[in-house]
Amino acid sequence: MKNKHDMTRPPDLKHGQFGGPRRIQRPVYVDLLPPCNNACPAGENIQGWLALAQQGQFEEAWQLLMADNPMPGVHGRVCYHPCENECNRTRLDATVSIHAVERFLGEQALANNWKVRMDRHASGKRVLIVGAGPSGLSAAYHLARLGHDVEVHEAGPIAGGMMHFGIPKYRLPRDVLDAEVRRIEDMGVKIVLNHKVEDLMQEHEAGGFDAMFVAVGAHLSKRTDIPARDAGKMLDAVSFLRQVESGTPPKLGRRVAIYGGGNTAMDAARVAKRLGIDEALIIYRRDRAHMPAHEFEADEAVEEGVKIHWLRTIKEIDQSTFTVEVMQIDENGRPQPTGEVETLQADSLILALGQDSDTGFLRNVPKLAFQKDGTIIVDENLMTGYPGLFAGGDMVPSERTVTVAVGHGKKAARHINAYLRGTTYSKLAKHELASFDKLHVWYFTDAAQRPQDHLDIKKRLSGFDEVVQGLKEKEAVYEARRCLSCGNCFECDGCYAACPEDAVIKLGPGKRYRYDYNLCTGCAVCFEQCPCHAIEMVPEPA
């Protein structure tokens, strides 16, 4: 029996043989850029690993994820998932819970002791990394995969930086963080703890390093001048969180005020509640719509009994009495004073007004330039003015999140690798974005998002157990299958079944399709049937 593609057809319709119509367009298979991939600060191929996860190929999905991000167990918990904000599925029902599937894969890797596959060829080059926070660890991981000898010098007693001392245990269990750091060490990265770099150039020469990457983060809390007479205990949020993490929490009294509206303020308030205080209240000069904290952070804080006083700024403190002024938002979104004042009662004040980087150890490095806020000026390759010295994370001008820092580490590693090999790294041009209007969403059925369970409120406040729970295997597969595969063929066979001329040739599982243009009439039925816009119609070549 003949294959259907062996049937006799006019040899080429584009030339109008036998008096037939001349084809004016033809279909081509394309790969567009999914919005989730485009939005990820770590540059993950999210659509790619979701496609593997939905087939139950969890280790393969994890390996693909690990090509870009060395800590999926961490990121599935602490990333603010900008990928989900851009997910096209939000226009249908609700975003794919990408972070939850990433967390599932990270947990599977730890449970099954999966190893990163590396084809490492030693370069003989040595790289010094200063700081074992997310950016430094990411750079170390990627440089190790690229064949370089990496040594990380960390001032603190444990690796992780603000992931360890700034993110509470109820958001990031320490066994997960420690295990993912240990995996990086097992790849050959040397982490030297309790080693504060005082003079970078001396460190560089003593170790015989060929390149350096500094990523010390932002650990110095910003201060503000508040007139105070016999004020109670005042401390900064970073020090407070560090003391709690170290097992020596300060005495706060019954009522605690937290000054600030960012994620650190929310964490400080929630931690204070877990220490058994009666009342935690946040004072912030803007309204909720203009707070820097993420929406879900504020929601969870309020759920746990934290009170938030919006549009308030502290004018004076007299012992435990706080005089605050009521603010109003102007047409530009800025808070303006009204002259109206109120009083609040609190025994302690925690300042959560942001952090700065300690860059004193760099001051004797020639050709460096700094912003007014102390951050280092780098070029598009993350290299400073001093050749071979790169910087990233919170100490360069950028958004300050774990995922952005990890993205910096990967980017720096690629440019450091090129620098060490005497070449340049050029990022591939991005494909066209697969926007929602390009999809044929009639194909997809409604499928509600699988929510993650949360720890009961009473149990939350009695300790530091993890609040948000993970997905089970069945739920993770379901959630991965909600992906629309925007702009990338997932072999649904729509084009293959719809073609009236049998011009679509199936190449086998994972190999997609090709066109037989001797049979194709350019009717565009395949294009109309493709749900994810993996086919485009292009003009017929002259």
Protein backbone atom coordinates (compact mmCIF):
# COMPACT_ATOMS: atom_id res chain seq x y z
CA MET A 1 0.00 0.00 0.00
CA LYS A 2 1.44 3.38 -0.96
CA ASN A 3 2.13 6.09 1.60
CA LYS A 4 -0.27 9.00 1.17
CA HIS A 5 2.67 11.24 0.26
CA ASP A 6 3.56 9.01 -2.69
CA MET A 7 0.39 9.87 -4.63
CA THR A 8 0.84 11.58 -7.99
CA ARG A 9 0.38 15.35 -7.85
CA PRO A 10 1.25 18.27 -10.14
CA PRO A 11 4.96 18.80 -9.64
CA ASP A 12 4.88 22.44 -8.44
CA LEU A 13 1.84 24.66 -8.24
CA LYS A 14 3.85 27.82 -7.78
CA HIS A 15 4.73 27.75 -11.47
CA GLY A 16 1.11 27.25 -12.48
CA GLN A 17 1.69 23.95 -14.34
CA PHE A 18 -1.27 22.32 -16.11
CA GLY A 19 -3.17 25.61 -15.98
CA GLY A 20 -3.68 25.42 -12.21
CA PRO A 21 -3.64 28.41 -9.87
CA ARG A 22 -0.33 29.96 -9.04
CA ARG A 23 0.55 29.77 -5.32
CA ILE A 24 1.18 33.24 -3.90
CA GLN A 25 2.06 32.25 -0.34
CA ARG A 26 3.49 29.29 1.50
CA PRO A 27 3.49 28.11 5.11
CA VAL A 28 6.70 27.86 7.12
CA TYR A 29 7.31 26.48 10.59
CA VAL A 30 8.66 29.04 13.05
CA ASP A 31 9.74 29.31 16.68
CA LEU A 32 8.62 32.53 18.32
CA LEU A 33 9.61 33.82 21.75
CA PRO A 34 7.14 32.92 24.52
CA PRO A 35 6.32 35.89 26.78
CA CYS A 36 7.34 33.90 29.89
CA ASN A 37 10.83 33.26 28.51
CA ASN A 38 11.12 36.90 27.53
CA ALA A 39 10.21 38.11 31.03
CA CYS A 40 12.50 35.79 33.02
CA PRO A 41 15.44 37.72 34.55
CA ALA A 42 17.42 34.47 34.73
CA GLY A 43 16.84 33.79 31.02
CA GLU A 44 15.21 30.39 31.53
CA ASN A 45 13.71 28.44 28.64
CA ILE A 46 10.47 28.12 30.59
CA GLN A 47 8.33 26.87 27.71
CA GLY A 48 10.95 24.22 26.97
CA TRP A 49 11.13 22.71 30.44
CA LEU A 50 7.37 22.94 30.93
CA ALA A 51 6.95 20.88 27.74
CA LEU A 52 9.19 18.17 29.19
CA ALA A 53 7.50 18.29 32.59
CA GLN A 54 4.06 17.81 31.09
CA GLN A 55 5.30 14.58 29.53
CA GLY A 56 6.57 13.37 32.90
CA GLN A 57 10.20 13.78 31.81
CA PHE A 58 11.10 15.49 35.06
CA GLU A 59 14.85 14.96 35.08
CA GLU A 60 15.16 16.17 31.49
CA ALA A 61 13.07 19.22 32.39
CA TRP A 62 15.34 19.89 35.37
CA GLN A 63 18.50 19.54 33.27
CA LEU A 64 17.14 22.11 30.80
CA LEU A 65 16.20 24.43 33.66
CA MET A 66 19.66 24.01 35.19
CA ALA A 67 21.27 25.26 32.00
CA ASP A 68 20.18 28.73 33.11
CA ASN A 69 19.41 28.61 36.83
CA PRO A 70 21.42 26.65 39.42
CA MET A 71 18.85 26.90 42.23
CA PRO A 72 15.32 25.94 41.11
CA GLY A 73 14.31 24.78 44.58
CA VAL A 74 15.10 28.26 45.86
CA HIS A 75 13.57 30.14 42.95
CA GLY A 76 10.36 28.16 42.99
CA ARG A 77 9.86 29.70 46.43
CA VAL A 78 11.34 33.21 46.42
CA CYS A 79 11.15 34.44 42.82
CA TYR A 80 8.42 37.01 42.27
CA HIS A 81 7.72 35.25 38.96
CA PRO A 82 7.49 38.11 36.42
CA CYS A 83 7.09 35.29 33.88
CA GLU A 84 3.60 34.67 35.25
CA ASN A 85 2.66 38.34 34.92
CA GLU A 86 3.34 38.05 31.18
CA CYS A 87 1.85 34.56 30.66
CA ASN A 88 -0.67 34.60 27.79
CA ARG A 89 -2.88 32.22 29.74
CA THR A 90 -3.89 35.15 31.98
CA ARG A 91 -6.06 36.33 29.06
CA LEU A 92 -7.97 33.03 29.14
CA ASP A 93 -8.36 32.15 32.82
CA ALA A 94 -5.27 32.33 35.04
CA THR A 95 -1.51 32.17 34.58
CA VAL A 96 0.33 28.88 34.50
CA SER A 97 1.81 28.44 37.99
CA ILE A 98 5.34 28.36 36.61
CA HIS A 99 7.05 28.89 39.96
CA ALA A 100 5.18 25.94 41.48
CA VAL A 101 6.32 23.57 38.72
CA GLU A 102 9.88 24.90 39.04
CA ARG A 103 9.77 24.24 42.76
CA PHE A 104 8.47 20.71 42.12
CA LEU A 105 11.38 19.99 39.78
CA GLY A 106 13.85 21.40 42.31
CA GLU A 107 12.43 19.18 45.02
CA GLN A 108 12.53 16.13 42.76
CA ALA A 109 16.20 16.79 42.03
CA LEU A 110 17.07 16.96 45.72
CA ALA A 111 15.00 13.90 46.60
CA ASN A 112 16.56 11.82 43.80
CA ASN A 113 20.07 13.31 44.00
CA TRP A 114 20.14 14.25 40.32
CA LYS A 115 23.51 15.43 39.02
CA VAL A 116 24.13 18.21 36.54
CA ARG A 117 25.38 16.84 33.22
CA MET A 118 28.56 18.63 32.25
CA ASP A 119 30.94 18.28 29.37
CA ARG A 120 33.66 20.19 31.17
CA HIS A 121 36.99 20.97 29.55
CA ALA A 122 39.39 22.59 32.02
CA SER A 123 40.58 26.00 30.84
CA GLY A 124 43.41 26.39 33.34
CA LYS A 125 42.04 29.83 34.29
CA ARG A 126 41.22 30.93 37.83
CA VAL A 127 38.35 33.25 38.77
CA LEU A 128 37.81 34.99 42.10
CA ILE A 129 34.25 35.70 43.17
CA VAL A 130 33.62 37.98 46.14
CA GLY A 131 30.31 37.22 47.82
CA ALA A 132 28.39 33.94 48.08
CA GLY A 133 24.95 35.41 47.57
CA PRO A 134 22.67 34.57 44.61
CA SER A 135 24.71 36.45 42.01
CA GLY A 136 28.08 35.12 43.17
CA LEU A 137 26.82 31.55 43.41
CA SER A 138 25.23 31.77 39.96
CA ALA A 139 28.43 33.09 38.39
CA ALA A 140 30.45 30.37 40.15
CA TYR A 141 28.11 27.66 38.90
CA HIS A 142 28.16 28.79 35.27
CA LEU A 143 31.91 29.41 35.24
CA ALA A 144 32.47 25.91 36.61
CA ARG A 145 30.32 24.48 33.81
CA LEU A 146 32.46 26.44 31.37
CA GLY A 147 35.63 24.76 32.65
CA HIS A 148 37.14 27.40 34.92
CA ASP A 149 38.59 27.00 38.42
CA VAL A 150 36.40 29.12 40.71
CA GLU A 151 37.01 30.31 44.26
CA VAL A 152 34.36 32.24 46.22
CA HIS A 153 35.37 34.40 49.19
CA GLU A 154 32.48 35.05 51.59
CA ALA A 155 32.64 37.31 54.65
CA GLY A 156 29.87 35.48 56.48
CA PRO A 157 29.82 32.12 58.24
CA ILE A 158 27.54 30.48 55.68
CA ALA A 159 26.89 30.75 51.94
CA GLY A 160 23.67 32.22 50.60
CA GLY A 161 23.95 35.90 51.46
CA MET A 162 20.57 37.57 51.89
CA MET A 163 18.85 34.34 50.84
CA HIS A 164 20.02 32.98 54.17
CA PHE A 165 19.96 36.03 56.43
CA GLY A 166 17.28 38.17 54.75
CA ILE A 167 14.60 35.72 53.60
CA PRO A 168 12.79 34.10 56.55
CA LYS A 169 12.59 30.33 56.91
CA TYR A 170 8.83 30.32 56.39
CA ARG A 171 9.50 31.37 52.80
CA LEU A 172 12.76 29.51 52.19
CA PRO A 173 13.57 26.40 54.26
CA ARG A 174 17.29 26.29 54.97
CA ASP A 175 17.70 22.62 54.04
CA VAL A 176 16.66 23.47 50.46
CA LEU A 177 19.05 26.43 50.21
CA ASP A 178 21.93 24.51 51.78
CA ALA A 179 21.43 21.51 49.49
CA GLU A 180 21.47 23.64 46.33
CA VAL A 181 24.62 25.45 47.51
CA ARG A 182 26.21 22.08 48.27
CA ARG A 183 25.48 20.93 44.71
CA ILE A 184 27.48 23.90 43.40
CA GLU A 185 30.37 23.00 45.67
CA ASP A 186 30.21 19.39 44.51
CA MET A 187 30.82 20.67 40.97
CA GLY A 188 34.28 21.84 42.09
CA VAL A 189 33.56 25.39 43.26
CA LYS A 190 35.59 26.29 46.36
CA ILE A 191 33.74 28.50 48.88
CA VAL A 192 35.90 30.09 51.57
CA LEU A 193 33.73 31.28 54.49
CA ASN A 194 34.49 33.90 57.16
CA HIS A 195 36.85 35.55 54.70
CA LYS A 196 36.13 39.24 54.28
CA VAL A 197 37.98 40.81 51.37
CA GLU A 198 39.54 44.04 52.62
CA ASP A 199 41.77 44.79 49.63
CA LEU A 200 40.63 43.37 46.29
CA MET A 201 43.87 44.01 44.40
CA GLN A 202 45.91 42.28 47.08
CA GLU A 203 43.50 39.34 47.02
CA HIS A 204 43.77 39.20 43.24
CA GLU A 205 47.55 39.04 43.23
CA ALA A 206 47.85 36.63 46.15
CA GLY A 207 45.54 34.08 44.53
CA GLY A 208 46.86 34.40 41.00
CA PHE A 209 43.38 34.95 39.60
CA ASP A 210 42.82 35.70 35.92
CA ALA A 211 39.48 37.49 36.39
CA MET A 212 37.24 38.67 39.23
CA PHE A 213 33.53 39.04 39.84
CA VAL A 214 32.29 41.08 42.82
CA ALA A 215 28.77 40.54 44.10
CA VAL A 216 28.69 41.48 47.78
CA GLY A 217 25.02 42.45 47.75
CA ALA A 218 23.45 45.23 49.79
CA HIS A 219 23.73 44.63 53.53
CA LEU A 220 24.00 48.19 54.90
CA SER A 221 20.62 49.50 56.00
CA LYS A 222 19.66 53.03 55.05
CA ARG A 223 18.95 55.36 57.93
CA THR A 224 16.63 58.31 58.42
CA ASP A 225 16.67 61.16 60.91
CA ILE A 226 13.64 61.03 63.19
CA PRO A 227 13.52 63.48 66.11
CA ALA A 228 13.37 61.29 69.22
CA ARG A 229 13.29 61.89 72.97
CA ASP A 230 13.94 58.80 75.08
CA ALA A 231 12.94 56.57 72.19
CA GLY A 232 12.51 52.86 72.73
CA LYS A 233 14.50 50.21 70.90
CA MET A 234 15.37 51.16 67.28
CA LEU A 235 16.99 48.70 64.90
CA ASP A 236 17.24 48.10 61.20
CA ALA A 237 15.38 45.31 59.41
CA VAL A 238 18.48 43.57 58.04
CA SER A 239 20.10 43.36 61.47
CA PHE A 240 16.82 42.23 63.01
CA LEU A 241 16.34 39.42 60.48
CA ARG A 242 19.98 38.39 60.86
CA GLN A 243 19.68 38.21 64.65
CA VAL A 244 16.55 36.09 64.41
CA GLU A 245 18.23 33.78 61.91
CA SER A 246 21.26 33.46 64.21
CA GLY A 247 19.05 32.39 67.10
CA THR A 248 19.50 35.60 69.13
CA PRO A 249 16.32 37.62 68.50
CA PRO A 250 16.16 41.03 70.22
CA LYS A 251 13.54 41.86 72.83
CA LEU A 252 10.88 43.94 71.11
CA GLY A 253 8.19 44.56 73.69
CA ARG A 254 4.48 44.05 73.06
CA ARG A 255 4.02 46.41 70.09
CA VAL A 256 6.42 46.84 67.17
CA ALA A 257 6.34 49.46 64.41
CA ILE A 258 8.01 48.74 61.06
CA TYR A 259 8.86 51.78 58.95
CA GLY A 260 8.81 51.02 55.20
CA GLY A 261 6.64 49.44 52.52
CA GLY A 262 8.87 46.94 50.75
CA ASN A 263 9.12 43.18 50.94
CA THR A 264 11.69 43.44 53.74
CA ALA A 265 9.20 45.44 55.81
CA MET A 266 6.57 42.75 55.27
CA ASP A 267 9.05 40.03 56.28
CA ALA A 268 10.15 41.94 59.38
CA ALA A 269 6.55 42.36 60.50
CA ARG A 270 5.69 38.71 59.91
CA VAL A 271 8.82 37.54 61.73
CA ALA A 272 7.99 39.81 64.66
CA LYS A 273 4.55 38.21 64.89
CA ARG A 274 6.18 34.80 65.05
CA LEU A 275 8.28 35.96 67.98
CA GLY A 276 5.09 36.33 69.98
CA ILE A 277 4.48 40.09 70.08
CA ASP A 278 0.92 41.35 70.49
CA GLU A 279 0.89 43.79 67.61
CA ALA A 280 2.99 44.52 64.51
CA LEU A 281 2.13 47.63 62.54
CA ILE A 282 3.70 48.86 59.33
CA ILE A 283 3.96 52.61 58.71
CA TYR A 284 4.39 53.62 55.07
CA ARG A 285 4.21 57.02 53.42
CA ARG A 286 2.51 55.89 50.20
CA ASP A 287 -0.72 54.01 49.56
CA ARG A 288 -1.05 50.33 48.73
CA ALA A 289 -1.09 50.97 44.99
CA HIS A 290 2.37 52.56 45.19
CA MET A 291 4.06 50.21 47.67
CA PRO A 292 7.28 48.50 46.51
CA ALA A 293 6.24 45.23 48.19
CA HIS A 294 4.61 42.62 46.00
CA GLU A 295 0.86 42.27 46.37
CA PHE A 296 0.91 38.73 47.73
CA GLU A 297 3.49 39.71 50.38
CA ALA A 298 1.14 42.36 51.76
CA ASP A 299 -1.82 39.97 51.53
CA GLU A 300 -0.06 37.30 53.57
CA ALA A 301 1.10 39.84 56.15
CA VAL A 302 -2.47 41.09 56.65
CA GLU A 303 -3.73 37.50 56.85
CA GLU A 304 -1.33 36.96 59.75
CA GLY A 305 -2.61 39.97 61.67
CA VAL A 306 -0.11 42.65 60.64
CA LYS A 307 -1.69 46.11 60.59
CA ILE A 308 -0.64 48.52 57.86
CA HIS A 309 -0.99 52.29 58.22
CA TRP A 310 -0.85 53.62 54.66
CA LEU A 311 -0.06 57.27 53.86
CA ARG A 312 1.74 57.90 57.12
CA THR A 313 5.23 59.17 57.87
CA ILE A 314 6.92 59.35 61.29
CA LYS A 315 7.56 62.91 62.44
CA GLU A 316 8.68 62.38 66.04
CA ILE A 317 9.09 59.71 68.72
CA ASP A 318 8.65 60.33 72.42
CA GLN A 319 9.37 57.11 74.30
CA SER A 320 6.65 54.73 73.02
CA THR A 321 4.49 57.44 71.40
CA PHE A 322 4.92 57.94 67.65
CA THR A 323 3.66 61.14 66.05
CA VAL A 324 2.86 60.44 62.40
CA GLU A 325 1.72 62.81 59.68
CA VAL A 326 -1.02 61.87 57.26
CA MET A 327 0.08 62.05 53.62
CA GLN A 328 -1.81 62.29 50.36
CA ILE A 329 -0.81 61.14 46.86
CA ASP A 330 -0.51 63.89 44.25
CA GLU A 331 -1.19 63.64 40.53
CA ASN A 332 2.35 62.32 39.96
CA GLY A 333 1.93 59.51 42.48
CA ARG A 334 4.15 61.19 45.06
CA PRO A 335 3.22 61.51 48.75
CA GLN A 336 2.64 65.04 50.00
CA PRO A 337 2.18 66.18 53.63
CA THR A 338 -1.24 67.33 54.78
CA GLY A 339 -0.35 68.82 58.16
CA GLU A 340 -2.73 66.40 59.89
CA VAL A 341 -1.07 64.32 62.60
CA GLU A 342 -1.94 61.20 64.58
CA THR A 343 -0.31 59.26 67.40
CA LEU A 344 0.50 55.56 67.55
CA GLN A 345 1.94 53.44 70.33
CA ALA A 346 4.92 51.07 69.90
CA ASP A 347 7.70 49.74 72.10
CA SER A 348 10.20 49.18 69.26
CA LEU A 349 10.86 50.54 65.78
CA ILE A 350 12.32 48.50 62.92
CA LEU A 351 13.60 50.56 59.99
CA ALA A 352 13.06 48.90 56.60
CA LEU A 353 14.02 51.72 54.25
CA GLY A 354 16.30 49.86 51.86
CA GLN A 355 19.96 48.84 51.80
CA ASP A 356 23.26 50.00 50.35
CA SER A 357 26.35 48.06 49.29
CA ASP A 358 29.63 48.21 51.21
CA THR A 359 32.12 48.93 48.43
CA GLY A 360 34.98 50.23 50.56
CA PHE A 361 37.20 47.30 49.58
CA LEU A 362 37.11 48.56 45.98
CA ARG A 363 38.20 52.11 46.56
CA ASN A 364 41.85 51.46 45.69
CA VAL A 365 41.00 49.71 42.40
CA PRO A 366 41.88 52.05 39.53
CA LYS A 367 39.41 53.16 36.83
CA LEU A 368 36.25 52.30 38.77
CA ALA A 369 33.25 54.61 38.66
CA PHE A 370 30.41 54.75 41.17
CA GLN A 371 26.88 56.07 41.20
CA LYS A 372 25.80 58.50 43.93
CA ASP A 373 24.18 55.63 45.82
CA GLY A 374 27.47 53.71 45.88
CA THR A 375 26.63 51.15 43.19
CA ILE A 376 29.34 50.37 40.63
CA ILE A 377 28.99 51.50 37.05
CA VAL A 378 29.47 48.59 34.60
CA ASP A 379 29.23 48.29 30.83
CA GLU A 380 26.80 46.11 28.88
CA ASN A 381 29.07 43.11 29.61
CA LEU A 382 28.96 43.79 33.39
CA MET A 383 32.66 44.70 33.30
CA THR A 384 33.86 47.63 35.37
CA GLY A 385 36.39 50.19 34.20
CA TYR A 386 39.17 47.90 35.44
CA PRO A 387 39.90 45.18 32.83
CA GLY A 388 38.97 41.70 34.05
CA LEU A 389 36.89 42.96 36.98
CA PHE A 390 33.15 42.33 36.64
CA ALA A 391 30.30 43.14 39.02
CA GLY A 392 26.67 42.18 39.43
CA GLY A 393 23.72 41.72 41.75
CA ASP A 394 22.62 44.42 44.17
CA MET A 395 25.89 46.34 43.88
CA VAL A 396 25.18 47.46 40.28
CA PRO A 397 22.23 49.65 39.22
CA SER A 398 19.31 47.25 38.73
CA GLU A 399 16.19 45.82 40.28
CA ARG A 400 17.11 44.05 43.51
CA THR A 401 15.70 40.54 43.48
CA VAL A 402 17.19 37.08 43.79
CA THR A 403 16.29 36.21 40.20
CA VAL A 404 17.81 39.39 38.75
CA ALA A 405 20.98 38.65 40.72
CA VAL A 406 21.11 35.08 39.40
CA GLY A 407 20.63 36.42 35.87
CA HIS A 408 23.56 38.79 36.41
CA GLY A 409 25.70 35.86 37.52
CA LYS A 410 24.94 33.90 34.38
CA LYS A 411 25.51 36.91 32.13
CA ALA A 412 28.78 37.78 33.86
CA ALA A 413 29.99 34.17 33.57
CA ARG A 414 29.48 34.21 29.81
CA HIS A 415 31.39 37.47 29.41
CA ILE A 416 34.13 36.40 31.83
CA ASN A 417 34.52 33.18 29.87
CA ALA A 418 34.88 35.17 26.64
CA TYR A 419 37.36 37.54 28.29
CA LEU A 420 39.51 34.64 29.52
CA ARG A 421 39.49 33.00 26.10
CA GLY A 422 40.27 36.21 24.22
CA THR A 423 36.94 36.35 22.42
CA THR A 424 33.67 38.25 22.79
CA TYR A 425 30.28 36.89 23.73
CA SER A 426 27.36 37.94 21.57
CA LYS A 427 23.86 37.10 22.67
CA LEU A 428 21.65 35.63 20.00
CA ALA A 429 19.00 37.95 18.62
CA LYS A 430 15.58 37.39 20.13
CA HIS A 431 12.79 35.87 18.07
CA GLU A 432 9.56 37.76 17.51
CA LEU A 433 7.32 37.71 20.58
CA ALA A 434 4.41 35.25 20.56
CA SER A 435 1.75 37.68 21.77
CA PHE A 436 -1.76 36.59 22.75
CA ASP A 437 -3.35 37.97 19.56
CA LYS A 438 -1.27 35.51 17.49
CA LEU A 439 -2.76 32.44 19.18
CA HIS A 440 -5.82 30.49 18.06
CA VAL A 441 -7.24 29.98 21.51
CA TRP A 442 -10.34 28.09 20.36
CA TYR A 443 -8.14 25.01 20.63
CA PHE A 444 -7.61 25.32 24.37
CA THR A 445 -10.19 24.35 26.97
CA ASP A 446 -10.75 26.05 30.29
CA ALA A 447 -8.46 24.62 32.94
CA ALA A 448 -8.38 26.26 36.35
CA GLN A 449 -5.01 26.82 38.01
CA ARG A 450 -4.05 24.35 40.73
CA PRO A 451 -3.58 26.53 43.83
CA GLN A 452 -0.81 25.78 46.30
CA ASP A 453 -1.96 24.94 49.80
CA HIS A 454 -1.04 27.29 52.63
CA LEU A 455 -0.27 26.46 56.23
CA ASP A 456 -3.10 27.20 58.66
CA ILE A 457 -2.88 30.70 60.19
CA LYS A 458 -2.56 29.43 63.75
CA LYS A 459 0.28 27.10 62.78
CA ARG A 460 2.05 29.88 60.90
CA LEU A 461 2.29 32.14 63.93
CA SER A 462 3.51 29.41 66.22
CA GLY A 463 6.81 28.90 64.40
CA PHE A 464 8.77 29.23 61.17
CA ASP A 465 7.36 26.26 59.22
CA GLU A 466 7.05 26.86 55.49
CA VAL A 467 3.79 28.69 54.70
CA VAL A 468 3.29 27.84 51.01
CA GLN A 469 3.18 24.15 50.20
CA GLY A 470 4.43 22.45 47.01
CA LEU A 471 2.57 20.58 44.27
CA LYS A 472 2.37 16.82 44.10
CA GLU A 473 3.38 15.03 40.89
CA LYS A 474 -0.12 14.79 39.42
CA GLU A 475 -0.77 18.47 40.15
CA ALA A 476 2.59 19.54 38.68
CA VAL A 477 1.94 17.63 35.44
CA TYR A 478 -1.55 19.13 35.21
CA GLU A 479 -0.18 22.63 35.74
CA ALA A 480 2.57 22.14 33.14
CA ARG A 481 -0.06 20.99 30.64
CA ARG A 482 -1.87 24.30 31.01
CA CYS A 483 1.00 25.90 29.10
CA LEU A 484 -0.16 27.22 25.70
CA SER A 485 3.27 26.58 24.15
CA CYS A 486 3.14 30.09 22.71
CA GLY A 487 5.01 30.30 19.40
CA ASN A 488 6.47 26.77 19.59
CA CYS A 489 5.13 23.59 17.97
CA PHE A 490 4.00 20.93 20.44
CA GLU A 491 3.03 18.38 17.77
CA CYS A 492 -0.73 18.54 18.21
CA ASP A 493 -1.12 17.20 14.61
CA GLY A 494 -3.54 20.02 13.77
CA CYS A 495 -1.68 20.98 10.59
CA TYR A 496 -1.11 17.34 9.64
CA ALA A 497 -4.77 16.43 9.93
CA ALA A 498 -6.16 19.59 8.34
CA CYS A 499 -4.06 19.77 5.16
CA PRO A 500 -6.33 18.91 2.19
CA GLU A 501 -3.34 18.19 -0.05
CA ASP A 502 -1.38 15.90 2.32
CA ALA A 503 1.51 18.34 2.07
CA VAL A 504 2.42 18.12 5.76
CA ILE A 505 4.89 15.34 6.51
CA LYS A 506 5.16 14.04 10.06
CA LEU A 507 8.78 13.38 11.03
CA GLY A 508 8.25 11.39 14.22
CA PRO A 509 8.02 12.12 17.95
CA GLY A 510 10.02 15.19 18.89
CA LYS A 511 10.97 15.94 15.28
CA ARG A 512 7.89 17.92 14.31
CA TYR A 513 6.91 18.26 10.61
CA ARG A 514 8.01 19.54 7.24
CA TYR A 515 6.20 20.70 4.13
CA ASP A 516 6.20 19.14 0.68
CA TYR A 517 5.89 22.31 -1.37
CA ASN A 518 5.23 20.29 -4.53
CA LEU A 519 1.89 19.42 -2.97
CA CYS A 520 1.14 22.59 -0.99
CA THR A 521 -1.35 25.03 -2.56
CA GLY A 522 -0.82 27.79 0.01
CA CYS A 523 -4.42 27.56 1.22
CA ALA A 524 -3.40 28.43 4.84
CA VAL A 525 -5.66 25.82 6.43
CA CYS A 526 -2.66 24.58 8.47
CA PHE A 527 -1.98 28.12 9.66
CA GLU A 528 -5.58 28.53 10.80
CA GLN A 529 -5.48 25.20 12.64
CA CYS A 530 -2.22 25.85 14.50
CA PRO A 531 -3.17 26.86 18.06
CA CYS A 532 0.18 28.30 19.13
CA HIS A 533 1.31 30.23 16.01
CA ALA A 534 4.16 27.89 15.13
CA ILE A 535 3.26 28.41 11.44
CA GLU A 536 3.41 31.60 9.46
CA MET A 537 2.32 32.32 5.90
CA VAL A 538 5.04 34.05 3.88
CA PRO A 539 4.98 35.39 0.31
CA GLU A 540 5.99 32.91 -2.35
CA PRO A 541 9.61 33.44 -3.41
CA ALA A 542 9.96 35.08 -6.80
